[in-house]
PDB file of N, CA and C in Angstrom:
ATOM      1  N   MET A   1     233.684 171.317 320.796  1.00  0.00           N
ATOM      2  CA  MET A   1     234.507 170.112 320.924  1.00  0.00           C
ATOM      3  C   MET A   1     234.615 169.200 321.527  1.00  0.00           C
ATOM      4  N   THR A   2     234.087 168.888 322.754  1.00  0.00           N
ATOM      5  CA  THR A   2     234.525 167.892 323.583  1.00  0.00           C
ATOM      6  C   THR A   2     233.396 166.612 323.135  1.00  0.00           C
ATOM      7  N   ALA A   3     232.280 167.343 322.511  1.00  0.00           N
ATOM      8  CA  ALA A   3     231.834 166.181 322.159  1.00  0.00           C
ATOM      9  C   ALA A   3     232.167 165.662 320.848  1.00  0.00           C
ATOM     10  N   ILE A   4     232.410 166.516 320.319  1.00  0.00           N
ATOM     11  CA  ILE A   4     233.460 165.798 318.936  1.00  0.00           C
ATOM     12  C   ILE A   4     234.304 164.668 319.313  1.00  0.00           C
ATOM     13  N   ILE A   5     235.013 164.958 320.154  1.00  0.00           N
ATOM     14  CA  ILE A   5     236.165 163.869 320.336  1.00  0.00           C
ATOM     15  C   ILE A   5     236.049 162.999 321.099  1.00  0.00           C
ATOM     16  N   VAL A   6     234.686 163.023 321.643  1.00  0.00           N
ATOM     17  CA  VAL A   6     234.280 161.895 322.340  1.00  0.00           C
ATOM     18  C   VAL A   6     233.701 160.985 321.283  1.00  0.00           C
ATOM     19  N   ILE A   7     233.119 161.503 320.466  1.00  0.00           N
ATOM     20  CA  ILE A   7     232.595 160.966 319.117  1.00  0.00           C
ATOM     21  C   ILE A   7     233.343 160.262 318.140  1.00  0.00           C
ATOM     22  N   VAL A   8     234.712 160.583 317.658  1.00  0.00           N
ATOM     23  CA  VAL A   8     235.627 160.734 317.296  1.00  0.00           C
ATOM     24  C   VAL A   8     236.044 159.090 318.124  1.00  0.00           C
ATOM     25  N   PHE A   9     236.268 159.045 319.882  1.00  0.00           N
ATOM     26  CA  PHE A   9     236.457 158.307 320.065  1.00  0.00           C
ATOM     27  C   PHE A   9     235.878 156.818 320.038  1.00  0.00           C
ATOM     28  N   ILE A  10     234.824 157.137 320.457  1.00  0.00           N
ATOM     29  CA  ILE A  10     233.643 156.156 320.615  1.00  0.00           C
ATOM     30  C   ILE A  10     233.707 155.269 319.194  1.00  0.00           C
ATOM     31  N   LEU A  11     233.618 156.009 317.969  1.00  0.00           N
ATOM     32  CA  LEU A  11     233.924 155.486 316.525  1.00  0.00           C
ATOM     33  C   LEU A  11     234.935 154.354 316.326  1.00  0.00           C
ATOM     34  N   GLY A  12     236.113 155.278 316.665  1.00  0.00           N
ATOM     35  CA  GLY A  12     237.477 154.659 316.989  1.00  0.00           C
ATOM     36  C   GLY A  12     237.427 153.384 317.656  1.00  0.00           C
ATOM     37  N   TYR A  13     237.100 153.566 319.084  1.00  0.00           N
ATOM     38  CA  TYR A  13     236.334 152.334 319.594  1.00  0.00           C
ATOM     39  C   TYR A  13     236.028 151.323 319.374  1.00  0.00           C
ATOM     40  N   PHE A  14     234.691 151.261 318.562  1.00  0.00           N
ATOM     41  CA  PHE A  14     234.151 150.573 317.860  1.00  0.00           C
ATOM     42  C   PHE A  14     234.772 149.990 316.787  1.00  0.00           C
ATOM     43  N   ALA A  15     235.936 150.837 315.817  1.00  0.00           N
ATOM     44  CA  ALA A  15     236.662 150.041 314.540  1.00  0.00           C
ATOM     45  C   ALA A  15     237.962 149.428 315.599  1.00  0.00           C
ATOM     46  N   ILE A  16     238.223 149.679 316.483  1.00  0.00           N
ATOM     47  CA  ILE A  16     238.775 148.355 317.030  1.00  0.00           C
ATOM     48  C   ILE A  16     238.138 147.118 317.576  1.00  0.00           C
ATOM     49  N   ALA A  17     237.021 147.741 318.509  1.00  0.00           N
ATOM     50  CA  ALA A  17     236.655 146.279 318.600  1.00  0.00           C
ATOM     51  C   ALA A  17     235.635 145.482 317.367  1.00  0.00           C
ATOM     52  N   PHE A  18     235.652 145.873 316.078  1.00  0.00           N
ATOM     53  CA  PHE A  18     235.064 144.980 315.509  1.00  0.00           C
ATOM     54  C   PHE A  18     236.073 145.047 313.807  1.00  0.00           C
ATOM     55  N   GLU A  19     237.418 144.661 314.728  1.00  0.00           N
ATOM     56  CA  GLU A  19     238.319 144.935 313.501  1.00  0.00           C
ATOM     57  C   GLU A  19     238.159 143.239 312.609  1.00  0.00           C
ATOM     58  N   HIS A  20     237.801 142.374 313.041  1.00  0.00           N
ATOM     59  CA  HIS A  20     237.811 141.583 312.022  1.00  0.00           C
ATOM     60  C   HIS A  20     236.419 141.223 311.001  1.00  0.00           C
ATOM     61  N   PRO A  21     234.887 141.891 311.132  1.00  0.00           N
ATOM     62  CA  PRO A  21     234.121 142.017 310.424  1.00  0.00           C
ATOM     63  C   PRO A  21     234.543 143.599 309.596  1.00  0.00           C
ATOM     64  N   LEU A  22     235.127 144.770 310.148  1.00  0.00           N
ATOM     65  CA  LEU A  22     235.798 145.971 309.252  1.00  0.00           C
ATOM     66  C   LEU A  22     236.981 145.569 308.313  1.00  0.00           C
ATOM     67  N   ARG A  23     237.436 144.553 308.818  1.00  0.00           N
ATOM     68  CA  ARG A  23     238.829 144.088 308.040  1.00  0.00           C
ATOM     69  C   ARG A  23     239.475 145.471 308.091  1.00  0.00           C
ATOM     70  N   ILE A  24     239.571 145.590 309.106  1.00  0.00           N
ATOM     71  CA  ILE A  24     240.771 147.117 309.695  1.00  0.00           C
ATOM     72  C   ILE A  24     241.779 146.431 310.675  1.00  0.00           C
ATOM     73  N   ASN A  25     242.776 147.311 310.615  1.00  0.00           N
ATOM     74  CA  ASN A  25     243.809 146.641 311.744  1.00  0.00           C
ATOM     75  C   ASN A  25     243.429 147.712 312.803  1.00  0.00           C
ATOM     76  N   LYS A  26     244.037 146.703 313.890  1.00  0.00           N
ATOM     77  CA  LYS A  26     243.337 147.493 315.275  1.00  0.00           C
ATOM     78  C   LYS A  26     244.404 148.971 315.532  1.00  0.00           C
ATOM     79  N   ALA A  27     245.646 148.917 315.232  1.00  0.00           N
ATOM     80  CA  ALA A  27     246.666 149.399 315.272  1.00  0.00           C
ATOM     81  C   ALA A  27     246.440 150.735 314.518  1.00  0.00           C
ATOM     82  N   ALA A  28     246.272 150.686 313.083  1.00  0.00           N
ATOM     83  CA  ALA A  28     245.534 151.749 312.336  1.00  0.00           C
ATOM     84  C   ALA A  28     244.469 152.468 312.830  1.00  0.00           C
ATOM     85  N   SER A  29     243.707 151.553 313.105  1.00  0.00           N
ATOM     86  CA  SER A  29     242.483 152.468 313.604  1.00  0.00           C
ATOM     87  C   SER A  29     242.760 153.298 314.940  1.00  0.00           C
ATOM     88  N   ALA A  30     243.334 152.530 316.006  1.00  0.00           N
ATOM     89  CA  ALA A  30     244.190 153.643 317.104  1.00  0.00           C
ATOM     90  C   ALA A  30     245.058 154.689 316.906  1.00  0.00           C
ATOM     91  N   LEU A  31     245.699 154.696 315.711  1.00  0.00           N
ATOM     92  CA  LEU A  31     246.806 155.879 315.185  1.00  0.00           C
ATOM     93  C   LEU A  31     245.885 157.046 314.699  1.00  0.00           C
ATOM     94  N   LEU A  32     244.527 156.157 313.946  1.00  0.00           N
ATOM     95  CA  LEU A  32     244.023 157.372 313.742  1.00  0.00           C
ATOM     96  C   LEU A  32     242.986 157.857 314.316  1.00  0.00           C
ATOM     97  N   THR A  33     242.521 156.970 314.953  1.00  0.00           N
ATOM     98  CA  THR A  33     241.703 158.073 315.947  1.00  0.00           C
ATOM     99  C   THR A  33     242.661 158.850 316.950  1.00  0.00           C
ATOM    100  N   GLY A  34     243.719 157.964 316.883  1.00  0.00           N
ATOM    101  CA  GLY A  34     244.131 159.353 318.471  1.00  0.00           C
ATOM    102  C   GLY A  34     244.664 160.538 317.496  1.00  0.00           C
ATOM    103  N   VAL A  35     245.063 160.415 316.050  1.00  0.00           N
ATOM    104  CA  VAL A  35     245.771 161.657 315.201  1.00  0.00           C
ATOM    105  C   VAL A  35     244.437 162.638 314.948  1.00  0.00           C
ATOM    106  N   ILE A  36     242.891 162.047 315.337  1.00  0.00           N
ATOM    107  CA  ILE A  36     241.950 163.124 314.436  1.00  0.00           C
ATOM    108  C   ILE A  36     241.508 163.774 315.654  1.00  0.00           C
ATOM    109  N   CYS A  37     242.016 163.163 317.124  1.00  0.00           N
ATOM    110  CA  CYS A  37     241.097 163.515 318.239  1.00  0.00           C
ATOM    111  C   CYS A  37     242.310 164.934 318.635  1.00  0.00           C
ATOM    112  N   TRP A  38     243.785 164.086 318.558  1.00  0.00           N
ATOM    113  CA  TRP A  38     244.163 165.591 318.933  1.00  0.00           C
ATOM    114  C   TRP A  38     244.614 166.828 317.994  1.00  0.00           C
ATOM    115  N   SER A  39     244.445 166.172 316.375  1.00  0.00           N
ATOM    116  CA  SER A  39     243.734 167.332 315.550  1.00  0.00           C
ATOM    117  C   SER A  39     242.656 168.417 315.798  1.00  0.00           C
ATOM    118  N   ILE A  40     241.578 167.787 316.179  1.00  0.00           N
ATOM    119  CA  ILE A  40     240.229 168.671 316.618  1.00  0.00           C
ATOM    120  C   ILE A  40     240.671 169.394 317.817  1.00  0.00           C
ATOM    121  N   TYR A  41     241.221 168.963 319.110  1.00  0.00           N
ATOM    122  CA  TYR A  41     241.703 169.650 319.706  1.00  0.00           C
ATOM    123  C   TYR A  41     243.038 170.420 319.725  1.00  0.00           C
ATOM    124  N   ALA A  42     243.808 170.609 318.787  1.00  0.00           N
ATOM    125  CA  ALA A  42     244.310 171.693 318.178  1.00  0.00           C
ATOM    126  C   ALA A  42     244.001 173.021 317.832  1.00  0.00           C
ATOM    127  N   LEU A  43     243.001 172.293 316.567  1.00  0.00           N
ATOM    128  CA  LEU A  43     242.723 172.629 316.098  1.00  0.00           C
ATOM    129  C   LEU A  43     242.004 174.072 316.872  1.00  0.00           C
ATOM    130  N   SER A  44     241.060 173.564 317.744  1.00  0.00           N
ATOM    131  CA  SER A  44     239.741 174.315 317.724  1.00  0.00           C
ATOM    132  C   SER A  44     240.495 175.099 319.215  1.00  0.00           C
ATOM    133  N   GLY A  45     241.438 174.239 319.660  1.00  0.00           N
ATOM    134  CA  GLY A  45     241.916 175.702 320.781  1.00  0.00           C
ATOM    135  C   GLY A  45     242.199 177.175 320.891  1.00  0.00           C
ATOM    136  N   SER A  46     242.095 177.775 321.662  1.00  0.00           N
ATOM    137  CA  SER A  46     242.272 179.144 321.434  1.00  0.00           C
ATOM    138  C   SER A  46     243.662 179.604 321.659  1.00  0.00           C
ATOM    139  N   ASP A  47     244.359 179.110 322.799  1.00  0.00           N
ATOM    140  CA  ASP A  47     245.371 179.155 323.120  1.00  0.00           C
ATOM    141  C   ASP A  47     245.851 178.266 322.579  1.00  0.00           C
ATOM    142  N   LYS A  48     247.026 178.477 321.563  1.00  0.00           N
ATOM    143  CA  LYS A  48     247.889 177.702 321.024  1.00  0.00           C
ATOM    144  C   LYS A  48     248.710 177.381 321.515  1.00  0.00           C
ATOM    145  N   GLU A  49     249.889 177.869 322.539  1.00  0.00           N
ATOM    146  CA  GLU A  49     250.917 177.671 323.350  1.00  0.00           C
ATOM    147  C   GLU A  49     250.593 176.297 324.265  1.00  0.00           C
ATOM    148  N   PHE A  50     249.403 176.812 324.814  1.00  0.00           N
ATOM    149  CA  PHE A  50     248.976 175.869 326.119  1.00  0.00           C
ATOM    150  C   PHE A  50     248.663 174.328 325.522  1.00  0.00           C
ATOM    151  N   VAL A  51     247.940 174.468 324.208  1.00  0.00           N
ATOM    152  CA  VAL A  51     247.546 173.125 323.455  1.00  0.00           C
ATOM    153  C   VAL A  51     249.192 172.592 322.862  1.00  0.00           C
ATOM    154  N   SER A  52     249.893 173.536 322.729  1.00  0.00           N
ATOM    155  CA  SER A  52     251.468 172.577 322.561  1.00  0.00           C
ATOM    156  C   SER A  52     252.268 171.938 323.378  1.00  0.00           C
ATOM    157  N   GLU A  53     251.899 172.865 324.595  1.00  0.00           N
ATOM    158  CA  GLU A  53     252.251 172.317 325.830  1.00  0.00           C
ATOM    159  C   GLU A  53     251.945 170.832 326.011  1.00  0.00           C
ATOM    160  N   ASN A  54     250.522 170.861 326.042  1.00  0.00           N
ATOM    161  CA  ASN A  54     249.959 169.769 325.966  1.00  0.00           C
ATOM    162  C   ASN A  54     250.556 168.281 325.307  1.00  0.00           C
ATOM    163  N   LEU A  55     250.312 169.018 324.197  1.00  0.00           N
ATOM    164  CA  LEU A  55     250.801 167.217 323.556  1.00  0.00           C
ATOM    165  C   LEU A  55     252.217 167.097 323.446  1.00  0.00           C
ATOM    166  N   SER A  56     253.080 168.085 323.696  1.00  0.00           N
ATOM    167  CA  SER A  56     254.052 167.820 324.059  1.00  0.00           C
ATOM    168  C   SER A  56     254.644 166.969 325.531  1.00  0.00           C
ATOM    169  N   HIS A  57     253.743 167.252 326.063  1.00  0.00           N
ATOM    170  CA  HIS A  57     253.832 166.738 327.470  1.00  0.00           C
ATOM    171  C   HIS A  57     253.132 165.003 326.994  1.00  0.00           C
ATOM    172  N   HIS A  58     252.078 164.716 326.577  1.00  0.00           N
ATOM    173  CA  HIS A  58     251.669 163.656 326.282  1.00  0.00           C
ATOM    174  C   HIS A  58     252.706 162.772 325.237  1.00  0.00           C
ATOM    175  N   LEU A  59     253.058 163.601 324.178  1.00  0.00           N
ATOM    176  CA  LEU A  59     253.871 162.575 323.287  1.00  0.00           C
ATOM    177  C   LEU A  59     255.430 162.538 324.144  1.00  0.00           C
ATOM    178  N   SER A  60     255.951 162.968 325.021  1.00  0.00           N
ATOM    179  CA  SER A  60     257.281 162.098 325.581  1.00  0.00           C
ATOM    180  C   SER A  60     256.354 161.212 326.282  1.00  0.00           C
ATOM    181  N   ASP A  61     255.374 161.088 327.048  1.00  0.00           N
ATOM    182  CA  ASP A  61     254.927 160.017 327.899  1.00  0.00           C
ATOM    183  C   ASP A  61     254.962 159.044 327.079  1.00  0.00           C
ATOM    184  N   ILE A  62     254.248 158.898 325.641  1.00  0.00           N
ATOM    185  CA  ILE A  62     254.203 157.906 324.972  1.00  0.00           C
ATOM    186  C   ILE A  62     255.577 157.546 324.288  1.00  0.00           C
ATOM    187  N   ALA A  63     256.107 158.641 323.886  1.00  0.00           N
ATOM    188  CA  ALA A  63     257.551 158.065 323.209  1.00  0.00           C
ATOM    189  C   ALA A  63     258.377 157.250 324.527  1.00  0.00           C
ATOM    190  N   GLY A  64     258.165 157.706 325.743  1.00  0.00           N
ATOM    191  CA  GLY A  64     259.158 156.698 326.455  1.00  0.00           C
ATOM    192  C   GLY A  64     258.458 155.356 327.216  1.00  0.00           C
ATOM    193  N   ILE A  65     257.338 155.269 326.860  1.00  0.00           N
ATOM    194  CA  ILE A  65     256.788 154.018 326.766  1.00  0.00           C
ATOM    195  C   ILE A  65     257.203 153.296 325.679  1.00  0.00           C
ATOM    196  N   ILE A  66     257.107 153.548 324.589  1.00  0.00           N
ATOM    197  CA  ILE A  66     257.494 153.008 323.674  1.00  0.00           C
ATOM    198  C   ILE A  66     259.129 152.515 323.744  1.00  0.00           C
ATOM    199  N   PHE A  67     259.763 153.346 323.988  1.00  0.00           N
ATOM    200  CA  PHE A  67     261.074 153.159 324.421  1.00  0.00           C
ATOM    201  C   PHE A  67     261.352 152.130 325.059  1.00  0.00           C
ATOM    202  N   PHE A  68     260.723 152.227 326.047  1.00  0.00           N
ATOM    203  CA  PHE A  68     260.916 151.165 327.157  1.00  0.00           C
ATOM    204  C   PHE A  68     260.526 149.983 326.403  1.00  0.00           C
ATOM    205  N   LEU A  69     258.928 150.056 326.046  1.00  0.00           N
ATOM    206  CA  LEU A  69     258.812 148.479 325.189  1.00  0.00           C
ATOM    207  C   LEU A  69     259.295 147.717 323.921  1.00  0.00           C
ATOM    208  N   LEU A  70     260.212 148.797 322.972  1.00  0.00           N
ATOM    209  CA  LEU A  70     260.754 148.323 322.343  1.00  0.00           C
ATOM    210  C   LEU A  70     262.423 147.492 323.088  1.00  0.00           C
ATOM    211  N   GLY A  71     263.006 148.439 324.103  1.00  0.00           N
ATOM    212  CA  GLY A  71     263.800 147.804 324.720  1.00  0.00           C
ATOM    213  C   GLY A  71     263.591 146.512 325.113  1.00  0.00           C
ATOM    214  N   ALA A  72     262.543 146.312 325.795  1.00  0.00           N
ATOM    215  CA  ALA A  72     262.235 144.829 326.713  1.00  0.00           C
ATOM    216  C   ALA A  72     261.998 143.856 325.465  1.00  0.00           C
ATOM    217  N   MET A  73     261.346 144.450 324.640  1.00  0.00           N
ATOM    218  CA  MET A  73     260.829 143.135 323.439  1.00  0.00           C
ATOM    219  C   MET A  73     262.557 142.741 322.660  1.00  0.00           C
ATOM    220  N   SER A  74     263.394 143.343 322.716  1.00  0.00           N
ATOM    221  CA  SER A  74     264.928 143.529 321.906  1.00  0.00           C
ATOM    222  C   SER A  74     265.527 142.019 323.436  1.00  0.00           C
ATOM    223  N   LEU A  75     265.328 142.526 324.451  1.00  0.00           N
ATOM    224  CA  LEU A  75     266.015 141.845 325.173  1.00  0.00           C
ATOM    225  C   LEU A  75     265.302 140.323 325.935  1.00  0.00           C
ATOM    226  N   LEU A  76     264.351 140.074 324.699  1.00  0.00           N
ATOM    227  CA  LEU A  76     263.289 138.954 325.146  1.00  0.00           C
ATOM    228  C   LEU A  76     263.766 138.248 324.165  1.00  0.00           C
ATOM    229  N   SER A  77     263.408 138.729 323.056  1.00  0.00           N
ATOM    230  CA  SER A  77     264.225 137.988 321.681  1.00  0.00           C
ATOM    231  C   SER A  77     265.587 137.219 321.496  1.00  0.00           C
TER     232      SER A  77
END
């Protein structure tokens, strides 16, 4: 499982690095990479409760950062 997630991450990283030659948006590549990595992690995990708590924790951290940045961007505009 870990090896597959690392391979997906490296492929996503290359998709972000080679945005212009591939004509793929960086944000789309990053979101797709994150979704695929979390999906592999969730589907291959044996303890669904642990996976759910782990995903909720990380999702709340990311949401906090996004809400902060949206507020900061609206104040600067």
